[in-house]
PDB file of N, CA and C in Angstrom:
ATOM      1  N   MET A   1      98.820  58.566 118.939  1.00  0.00           N
ATOM      2  CA  MET A   1     100.059  58.069 118.366  1.00  0.00           C
ATOM      3  C   MET A   1      99.778  57.270 117.080  1.00  0.00           C
ATOM      4  N   LYS A   2      98.642  56.567 117.064  1.00  0.00           N
ATOM      5  CA  LYS A   2      98.295  55.783 115.881  1.00  0.00           C
ATOM      6  C   LYS A   2      98.085  56.681 114.663  1.00  0.00           C
ATOM      7  N   LYS A   3      97.521  57.864 114.897  1.00  0.00           N
ATOM      8  CA  LYS A   3      97.299  58.809 113.802  1.00  0.00           C
ATOM      9  C   LYS A   3      98.637  59.286 113.231  1.00  0.00           C
ATOM     10  N   THR A   4      99.587  59.578 114.086  1.00  0.00           N
ATOM     11  CA  THR A   4     100.922  59.995 113.658  1.00  0.00           C
ATOM     12  C   THR A   4     101.609  58.870 112.887  1.00  0.00           C
ATOM     13  N   PHE A   5     101.474  57.649 113.393  1.00  0.00           N
ATOM     14  CA  PHE A   5     102.072  56.492 112.721  1.00  0.00           C
ATOM     15  C   PHE A   5     101.489  56.321 111.316  1.00  0.00           C
ATOM     16  N   ARG A   6     100.186  56.462 111.200  1.00  0.00           N
ATOM     17  CA  ARG A   6      99.547  56.362 109.880  1.00  0.00           C
ATOM     18  C   ARG A   6     100.075  57.431 108.926  1.00  0.00           C
ATOM     19  N   LEU A   7     100.169  58.660 109.417  1.00  0.00           N
ATOM     20  CA  LEU A   7     100.651  59.768 108.587  1.00  0.00           C
ATOM     21  C   LEU A   7     102.085  59.533 108.138  1.00  0.00           C
ATOM     22  N   VAL A   8     102.946  59.148 109.058  1.00  0.00           N
ATOM     23  CA  VAL A   8     104.350  58.893 108.705  1.00  0.00           C
ATOM     24  C   VAL A   8     104.442  57.718 107.736  1.00  0.00           C
ATOM     25  N   GLY A   9     103.610  56.696 107.926  1.00  0.00           N
ATOM     26  CA  GLY A   9     103.588  55.569 106.999  1.00  0.00           C
ATOM     27  C   GLY A   9     103.185  55.994 105.599  1.00  0.00           C
ATOM     28  N   TYR A  10     102.190  56.851 105.526  1.00  0.00           N
ATOM     29  CA  TYR A  10     101.752  57.367 104.227  1.00  0.00           C
ATOM     30  C   TYR A  10     102.869  58.179 103.571  1.00  0.00           C
ATOM     31  N   LEU A  11     103.467  59.085 104.328  1.00  0.00           N
ATOM     32  CA  LEU A  11     104.538  59.921 103.777  1.00  0.00           C
ATOM     33  C   LEU A  11     105.757  59.092 103.386  1.00  0.00           C
ATOM     34  N   GLU A  12     106.070  58.070 104.168  1.00  0.00           N
ATOM     35  CA  GLU A  12     107.203  57.200 103.864  1.00  0.00           C
ATOM     36  C   GLU A  12     106.963  56.479 102.542  1.00  0.00           C
ATOM     37  N   ALA A  13     105.748  55.991 102.345  1.00  0.00           N
ATOM     38  CA  ALA A  13     105.420  55.286 101.100  1.00  0.00           C
ATOM     39  C   ALA A  13     105.474  56.228  99.896  1.00  0.00           C
ATOM     40  N   VAL A  14     104.933  57.418 100.052  1.00  0.00           N
ATOM     41  CA  VAL A  14     104.950  58.393  98.959  1.00  0.00           C
ATOM     42  C   VAL A  14     106.393  58.776  98.622  1.00  0.00           C
ATOM     43  N   SER A  15     107.216  58.996  99.640  1.00  0.00           N
ATOM     44  CA  SER A  15     108.617  59.367  99.379  1.00  0.00           C
ATOM     45  C   SER A  15     109.372  58.225  98.713  1.00  0.00           C
ATOM     46  N   PHE A  16     109.075  56.991  99.090  1.00  0.00           N
ATOM     47  CA  PHE A  16     109.712  55.821  98.490  1.00  0.00           C
ATOM     48  C   PHE A  16     109.322  55.698  97.012  1.00  0.00           C
ATOM     49  N   LEU A  17     108.041  55.870  96.736  1.00  0.00           N
ATOM     50  CA  LEU A  17     107.574  55.791  95.351  1.00  0.00           C
ATOM     51  C   LEU A  17     108.149  56.930  94.508  1.00  0.00           C
ATOM     52  N   PHE A  18     108.239  58.118  95.086  1.00  0.00           N
ATOM     53  CA  PHE A  18     108.849  59.242  94.372  1.00  0.00           C
ATOM     54  C   PHE A  18     110.305  58.946  94.055  1.00  0.00           C
ATOM     55  N   LEU A  19     110.998  58.414  95.029  1.00  0.00           N
ATOM     56  CA  LEU A  19     112.406  58.073  94.839  1.00  0.00           C
ATOM     57  C   LEU A  19     112.570  57.030  93.729  1.00  0.00           C
ATOM     58  N   LEU A  20     111.728  55.998  93.748  1.00  0.00           N
ATOM     59  CA  LEU A  20     111.839  54.934  92.750  1.00  0.00           C
ATOM     60  C   LEU A  20     111.384  55.358  91.353  1.00  0.00           C
ATOM     61  N   CYS A  21     110.299  56.125  91.289  1.00  0.00           N
ATOM     62  CA  CYS A  21     109.670  56.423  89.997  1.00  0.00           C
ATOM     63  C   CYS A  21     110.109  57.740  89.365  1.00  0.00           C
ATOM     64  N   VAL A  22     110.650  58.658  90.151  1.00  0.00           N
ATOM     65  CA  VAL A  22     111.039  59.963  89.613  1.00  0.00           C
ATOM     66  C   VAL A  22     112.540  60.208  89.779  1.00  0.00           C
ATOM     67  N   ALA A  23     113.011  60.159  90.999  1.00  0.00           N
ATOM     68  CA  ALA A  23     114.399  60.544  91.263  1.00  0.00           C
ATOM     69  C   ALA A  23     115.412  59.560  90.679  1.00  0.00           C
ATOM     70  N   MET A  24     115.172  58.269  90.849  1.00  0.00           N
ATOM     71  CA  MET A  24     116.124  57.284  90.314  1.00  0.00           C
ATOM     72  C   MET A  24     116.202  57.336  88.785  1.00  0.00           C
ATOM     73  N   PRO A  25     115.071  57.400  88.070  1.00  0.00           N
ATOM     74  CA  PRO A  25     115.188  57.544  86.613  1.00  0.00           C
ATOM     75  C   PRO A  25     115.919  58.826  86.198  1.00  0.00           C
ATOM     76  N   MET A  26     115.685  59.915  86.932  1.00  0.00           N
ATOM     77  CA  MET A  26     116.404  61.148  86.612  1.00  0.00           C
ATOM     78  C   MET A  26     117.906  60.962  86.797  1.00  0.00           C
ATOM     79  N   LYS A  27     118.268  60.251  87.845  1.00  0.00           N
ATOM     80  CA  LYS A  27     119.687  60.051  88.131  1.00  0.00           C
ATOM     81  C   LYS A  27     120.351  59.177  87.070  1.00  0.00           C
ATOM     82  N   TYR A  28     119.713  58.066  86.726  1.00  0.00           N
ATOM     83  CA  TYR A  28     120.370  57.105  85.846  1.00  0.00           C
ATOM     84  C   TYR A  28     120.046  57.282  84.364  1.00  0.00           C
ATOM     85  N   ALA A  29     118.836  57.671  84.036  1.00  0.00           N
ATOM     86  CA  ALA A  29     118.483  57.819  82.616  1.00  0.00           C
ATOM     87  C   ALA A  29     118.920  59.168  82.057  1.00  0.00           C
ATOM     88  N   TYR A  30     118.811  60.197  82.902  1.00  0.00           N
ATOM     89  CA  TYR A  30     119.138  61.547  82.422  1.00  0.00           C
ATOM     90  C   TYR A  30     120.452  62.083  82.981  1.00  0.00           C
ATOM     91  N   HIS A  31     121.157  61.224  83.710  1.00  0.00           N
ATOM     92  CA  HIS A  31     122.491  61.549  84.224  1.00  0.00           C
ATOM     93  C   HIS A  31     122.508  62.820  85.080  1.00  0.00           C
ATOM     94  N   ILE A  32     121.565  62.874  86.013  1.00  0.00           N
ATOM     95  CA  ILE A  32     121.510  63.977  86.982  1.00  0.00           C
ATOM     96  C   ILE A  32     121.806  63.354  88.350  1.00  0.00           C
ATOM     97  N   PRO A  33     123.063  63.274  88.725  1.00  0.00           N
ATOM     98  CA  PRO A  33     123.426  62.540  89.944  1.00  0.00           C
ATOM     99  C   PRO A  33     122.859  63.117  91.241  1.00  0.00           C
ATOM    100  N   THR A  34     122.528  64.381  91.244  1.00  0.00           N
ATOM    101  CA  THR A  34     122.004  64.984  92.480  1.00  0.00           C
ATOM    102  C   THR A  34     120.488  64.802  92.634  1.00  0.00           C
ATOM    103  N   ALA A  35     119.850  64.161  91.675  1.00  0.00           N
ATOM    104  CA  ALA A  35     118.395  64.016  91.715  1.00  0.00           C
ATOM    105  C   ALA A  35     117.898  63.213  92.911  1.00  0.00           C
ATOM    106  N   THR A  36     118.735  62.352  93.447  1.00  0.00           N
ATOM    107  CA  THR A  36     118.307  61.516  94.571  1.00  0.00           C
ATOM    108  C   THR A  36     118.762  62.042  95.925  1.00  0.00           C
ATOM    109  N   LYS A  37     119.544  63.092  95.935  1.00  0.00           N
ATOM    110  CA  LYS A  37     120.117  63.580  97.198  1.00  0.00           C
ATOM    111  C   LYS A  37     119.040  64.028  98.191  1.00  0.00           C
ATOM    112  N   MET A  38     118.202  64.978  97.811  1.00  0.00           N
ATOM    113  CA  MET A  38     117.175  65.478  98.723  1.00  0.00           C
ATOM    114  C   MET A  38     116.051  64.455  98.957  1.00  0.00           C
ATOM    115  N   PRO A  39     115.479  63.857  97.897  1.00  0.00           N
ATOM    116  CA  PRO A  39     114.427  62.863  98.145  1.00  0.00           C
ATOM    117  C   PRO A  39     114.936  61.663  98.953  1.00  0.00           C
ATOM    118  N   GLY A  40     116.179  61.276  98.720  1.00  0.00           N
ATOM    119  CA  GLY A  40     116.759  60.168  99.471  1.00  0.00           C
ATOM    120  C   GLY A  40     116.912  60.491 100.950  1.00  0.00           C
ATOM    121  N   SER A  41     117.316  61.709 101.243  1.00  0.00           N
ATOM    122  CA  SER A  41     117.456  62.132 102.644  1.00  0.00           C
ATOM    123  C   SER A  41     116.099  62.188 103.338  1.00  0.00           C
ATOM    124  N   ILE A  42     115.117  62.723 102.647  1.00  0.00           N
ATOM    125  CA  ILE A  42     113.764  62.806 103.211  1.00  0.00           C
ATOM    126  C   ILE A  42     113.217  61.404 103.448  1.00  0.00           C
ATOM    127  N   HIS A  43     113.370  60.546 102.461  1.00  0.00           N
ATOM    128  CA  HIS A  43     112.883  59.174 102.617  1.00  0.00           C
ATOM    129  C   HIS A  43     113.600  58.460 103.766  1.00  0.00           C
ATOM    130  N   GLY A  44     114.902  58.653 103.869  1.00  0.00           N
ATOM    131  CA  GLY A  44     115.653  58.029 104.962  1.00  0.00           C
ATOM    132  C   GLY A  44     115.149  58.465 106.321  1.00  0.00           C
ATOM    133  N   PHE A  45     114.895  59.751 106.476  1.00  0.00           N
ATOM    134  CA  PHE A  45     114.354  60.257 107.736  1.00  0.00           C
ATOM    135  C   PHE A  45     112.987  59.634 108.028  1.00  0.00           C
ATOM    136  N   LEU A  46     112.116  59.610 107.025  1.00  0.00           N
ATOM    137  CA  LEU A  46     110.771  59.052 107.204  1.00  0.00           C
ATOM    138  C   LEU A  46     110.814  57.558 107.481  1.00  0.00           C
ATOM    139  N   PHE A  47     111.745  56.855 106.853  1.00  0.00           N
ATOM    140  CA  PHE A  47     111.904  55.420 107.095  1.00  0.00           C
ATOM    141  C   PHE A  47     112.273  55.150 108.552  1.00  0.00           C
ATOM    142  N   VAL A  48     113.243  55.887 109.040  1.00  0.00           N
ATOM    143  CA  VAL A  48     113.664  55.713 110.437  1.00  0.00           C
ATOM    144  C   VAL A  48     112.527  56.102 111.386  1.00  0.00           C
ATOM    145  N   ALA A  49     111.841  57.202 111.095  1.00  0.00           N
ATOM    146  CA  ALA A  49     110.719  57.629 111.936  1.00  0.00           C
ATOM    147  C   ALA A  49     109.623  56.568 111.941  1.00  0.00           C
ATOM    148  N   TYR A  50     109.335  55.983 110.782  1.00  0.00           N
ATOM    149  CA  TYR A  50     108.318  54.930 110.697  1.00  0.00           C
ATOM    150  C   TYR A  50     108.716  53.735 111.566  1.00  0.00           C
ATOM    151  N   CYS A  51     109.968  53.312 111.475  1.00  0.00           N
ATOM    152  CA  CYS A  51     110.422  52.155 112.260  1.00  0.00           C
ATOM    153  C   CYS A  51     110.360  52.427 113.757  1.00  0.00           C
ATOM    154  N   VAL A  52     110.776  53.615 114.166  1.00  0.00           N
ATOM    155  CA  VAL A  52     110.728  53.974 115.589  1.00  0.00           C
ATOM    156  C   VAL A  52     109.276  54.030 116.066  1.00  0.00           C
ATOM    157  N   LEU A  53     108.406  54.644 115.289  1.00  0.00           N
ATOM    158  CA  LEU A  53     106.995  54.721 115.663  1.00  0.00           C
ATOM    159  C   LEU A  53     106.344  53.343 115.672  1.00  0.00           C
ATOM    160  N   ALA A  54     106.713  52.479 114.731  1.00  0.00           N
ATOM    161  CA  ALA A  54     106.171  51.113 114.707  1.00  0.00           C
ATOM    162  C   ALA A  54     106.571  50.367 115.977  1.00  0.00           C
ATOM    163  N   TYR A  55     107.828  50.495 116.357  1.00  0.00           N
ATOM    164  CA  TYR A  55     108.291  49.836 117.584  1.00  0.00           C
ATOM    165  C   TYR A  55     107.543  50.371 118.810  1.00  0.00           C
ATOM    166  N   ASN A  56     107.439  51.701 118.908  1.00  0.00           N
ATOM    167  CA  ASN A  56     106.759  52.294 120.062  1.00  0.00           C
ATOM    168  C   ASN A  56     105.283  51.920 120.111  1.00  0.00           C
ATOM    169  N   LEU A  57     104.612  51.959 118.973  1.00  0.00           N
ATOM    170  CA  LEU A  57     103.196  51.614 118.935  1.00  0.00           C
ATOM    171  C   LEU A  57     102.991  50.130 119.226  1.00  0.00           C
ATOM    172  N   ALA A  58     103.886  49.287 118.752  1.00  0.00           N
ATOM    173  CA  ALA A  58     103.804  47.853 119.032  1.00  0.00           C
ATOM    174  C   ALA A  58     103.925  47.592 120.532  1.00  0.00           C
ATOM    175  N   GLN A  59     104.814  48.311 121.198  1.00  0.00           N
ATOM    176  CA  GLN A  59     104.957  48.161 122.645  1.00  0.00           C
ATOM    177  C   GLN A  59     103.726  48.678 123.383  1.00  0.00           C
ATOM    178  N   LEU A  60     103.244  49.826 122.943  1.00  0.00           N
ATOM    179  CA  LEU A  60     102.101  50.463 123.588  1.00  0.00           C
ATOM    180  C   LEU A  60     100.829  49.635 123.445  1.00  0.00           C
ATOM    181  N   GLU A  61     100.598  49.099 122.252  1.00  0.00           N
ATOM    182  CA  GLU A  61      99.363  48.356 121.997  1.00  0.00           C
ATOM    183  C   GLU A  61      99.541  46.838 122.079  1.00  0.00           C
ATOM    184  N   ARG A  62     100.721  46.404 122.463  1.00  0.00           N
ATOM    185  CA  ARG A  62     101.028  44.983 122.648  1.00  0.00           C
ATOM    186  C   ARG A  62     100.692  44.142 121.411  1.00  0.00           C
ATOM    187  N   TRP A  63     101.291  44.557 120.291  1.00  0.00           N
ATOM    188  CA  TRP A  63     101.091  43.803 119.053  1.00  0.00           C
ATOM    189  C   TRP A  63     101.748  42.433 119.163  1.00  0.00           C
ATOM    190  N   ASP A  64     101.156  41.442 118.482  1.00  0.00           N
ATOM    191  CA  ASP A  64     101.803  40.129 118.419  1.00  0.00           C
ATOM    192  C   ASP A  64     102.979  40.183 117.435  1.00  0.00           C
ATOM    193  N   SER A  65     103.791  39.149 117.425  1.00  0.00           N
ATOM    194  CA  SER A  65     105.001  39.136 116.585  1.00  0.00           C
ATOM    195  C   SER A  65     104.687  39.288 115.105  1.00  0.00           C
ATOM    196  N   LYS A  66     103.618  38.654 114.641  1.00  0.00           N
ATOM    197  CA  LYS A  66     103.263  38.733 113.223  1.00  0.00           C
ATOM    198  C   LYS A  66     102.988  40.178 112.810  1.00  0.00           C
ATOM    199  N   LYS A  67     102.243  40.884 113.619  1.00  0.00           N
ATOM    200  CA  LYS A  67     101.893  42.272 113.290  1.00  0.00           C
ATOM    201  C   LYS A  67     103.130  43.168 113.331  1.00  0.00           C
ATOM    202  N   LYS A  68     104.006  42.947 114.306  1.00  0.00           N
ATOM    203  CA  LYS A  68     105.239  43.732 114.402  1.00  0.00           C
ATOM    204  C   LYS A  68     106.099  43.543 113.152  1.00  0.00           C
ATOM    205  N   TRP A  69     106.352  42.282 112.788  1.00  0.00           N
ATOM    206  CA  TRP A  69     107.215  42.012 111.639  1.00  0.00           C
ATOM    207  C   TRP A  69     106.573  42.470 110.340  1.00  0.00           C
ATOM    208  N   THR A  70     105.261  42.377 110.257  1.00  0.00           N
ATOM    209  CA  THR A  70     104.564  42.861 109.061  1.00  0.00           C
ATOM    210  C   THR A  70     104.753  44.365 108.912  1.00  0.00           C
ATOM    211  N   ALA A  71     104.698  45.092 110.012  1.00  0.00           N
ATOM    212  CA  ALA A  71     104.904  46.546 109.972  1.00  0.00           C
ATOM    213  C   ALA A  71     106.305  46.882 109.478  1.00  0.00           C
ATOM    214  N   PHE A  72     107.308  46.172 109.973  1.00  0.00           N
ATOM    215  CA  PHE A  72     108.678  46.455 109.561  1.00  0.00           C
ATOM    216  C   PHE A  72     108.939  46.035 108.113  1.00  0.00           C
ATOM    217  N   ILE A  73     108.404  44.912 107.704  1.00  0.00           N
ATOM    218  CA  ILE A  73     108.560  44.473 106.314  1.00  0.00           C
ATOM    219  C   ILE A  73     107.843  45.433 105.371  1.00  0.00           C
ATOM    220  N   ALA A  74     106.706  45.952 105.799  1.00  0.00           N
ATOM    221  CA  ALA A  74     105.938  46.897 104.976  1.00  0.00           C
ATOM    222  C   ALA A  74     106.745  48.142 104.647  1.00  0.00           C
ATOM    223  N   SER A  75     107.681  48.497 105.500  1.00  0.00           N
ATOM    224  CA  SER A  75     108.456  49.725 105.274  1.00  0.00           C
ATOM    225  C   SER A  75     109.468  49.598 104.145  1.00  0.00           C
ATOM    226  N   VAL A  76     109.778  48.385 103.715  1.00  0.00           N
ATOM    227  CA  VAL A  76     110.765  48.208 102.640  1.00  0.00           C
ATOM    228  C   VAL A  76     110.144  47.737 101.330  1.00  0.00           C
ATOM    229  N   VAL A  77     108.838  47.569 101.302  1.00  0.00           N
ATOM    230  CA  VAL A  77     108.132  47.113 100.104  1.00  0.00           C
ATOM    231  C   VAL A  77     107.341  48.295  99.530  1.00  0.00           C
ATOM    232  N   PRO A  78     107.463  48.564  98.230  1.00  0.00           N
ATOM    233  CA  PRO A  78     106.637  49.636  97.660  1.00  0.00           C
ATOM    234  C   PRO A  78     105.154  49.364  97.928  1.00  0.00           C
ATOM    235  N   PHE A  79     104.437  50.371  98.324  1.00  0.00           N
ATOM    236  CA  PHE A  79     103.023  50.313  98.713  1.00  0.00           C
ATOM    237  C   PHE A  79     102.798  49.557 100.026  1.00  0.00           C
ATOM    238  N   GLY A  80     103.868  49.082 100.658  1.00  0.00           N
ATOM    239  CA  GLY A  80     103.730  48.262 101.855  1.00  0.00           C
ATOM    240  C   GLY A  80     103.045  48.959 103.017  1.00  0.00           C
ATOM    241  N   THR A  81     103.404  50.202 103.277  1.00  0.00           N
ATOM    242  CA  THR A  81     102.785  50.888 104.414  1.00  0.00           C
ATOM    243  C   THR A  81     101.329  51.245 104.129  1.00  0.00           C
ATOM    244  N   PHE A  82     100.998  51.469 102.847  1.00  0.00           N
ATOM    245  CA  PHE A  82      99.592  51.684 102.500  1.00  0.00           C
ATOM    246  C   PHE A  82      98.779  50.435 102.860  1.00  0.00           C
ATOM    247  N   ILE A  83      99.303  49.279 102.478  1.00  0.00           N
ATOM    248  CA  ILE A  83      98.614  48.012 102.721  1.00  0.00           C
ATOM    249  C   ILE A  83      98.547  47.719 104.219  1.00  0.00           C
ATOM    250  N   PHE A  84      99.655  47.952 104.922  1.00  0.00           N
ATOM    251  CA  PHE A  84      99.655  47.716 106.370  1.00  0.00           C
ATOM    252  C   PHE A  84      98.624  48.601 107.056  1.00  0.00           C
ATOM    253  N   ASN A  85      98.609  49.888 106.723  1.00  0.00           N
ATOM    254  CA  ASN A  85      97.635  50.798 107.330  1.00  0.00           C
ATOM    255  C   ASN A  85      96.211  50.332 107.064  1.00  0.00           C
ATOM    256  N   HIS A  86      95.943  49.921 105.848  1.00  0.00           N
ATOM    257  CA  HIS A  86      94.583  49.498 105.486  1.00  0.00           C
ATOM    258  C   HIS A  86      94.175  48.207 106.200  1.00  0.00           C
ATOM    259  N   ASN A  87      95.079  47.239 106.271  1.00  0.00           N
ATOM    260  CA  ASN A  87      94.741  45.935 106.821  1.00  0.00           C
ATOM    261  C   ASN A  87      94.837  45.836 108.344  1.00  0.00           C
ATOM    262  N   TYR A  88      95.727  46.593 108.950  1.00  0.00           N
ATOM    263  CA  TYR A  88      95.982  46.412 110.379  1.00  0.00           C
ATOM    264  C   TYR A  88      95.606  47.594 111.267  1.00  0.00           C
ATOM    265  N   LEU A  89      95.411  48.766 110.704  1.00  0.00           N
ATOM    266  CA  LEU A  89      95.181  49.939 111.551  1.00  0.00           C
ATOM    267  C   LEU A  89      93.789  50.546 111.362  1.00  0.00           C
ATOM    268  N   GLN A  90      92.818  49.714 111.128  1.00  0.00           N
ATOM    269  CA  GLN A  90      91.462  50.227 110.968  1.00  0.00           C
ATOM    270  C   GLN A  90      90.862  50.506 112.340  1.00  0.00           C
ATOM    271  N   ASP A  91      90.190  51.639 112.449  1.00  0.00           N
ATOM    272  CA  ASP A  91      89.518  51.984 113.718  1.00  0.00           C
ATOM    273  C   ASP A  91      88.022  51.965 113.529  1.00  0.00           C
TER     274      ASP A  91
END
């Protein structure tokens, strides 16, 4: 399950960065309103999957409160899941 969580965290971060750095500028700078539709949907799905997996893994591995909240906060910060994976999920 930890491997799946890491993968979803990586994909969530990449989709978030794509949305911020590519899709949003296309939408607002180049006036292409549909540029965020598909990437936004993908990111939303990955965000929810990351949160559900974080909750399940926290229950399974009995994470302390600090680690749980750090995982959830990492999902809303650019590069956050990369940092969380590196600092907290080393095997």
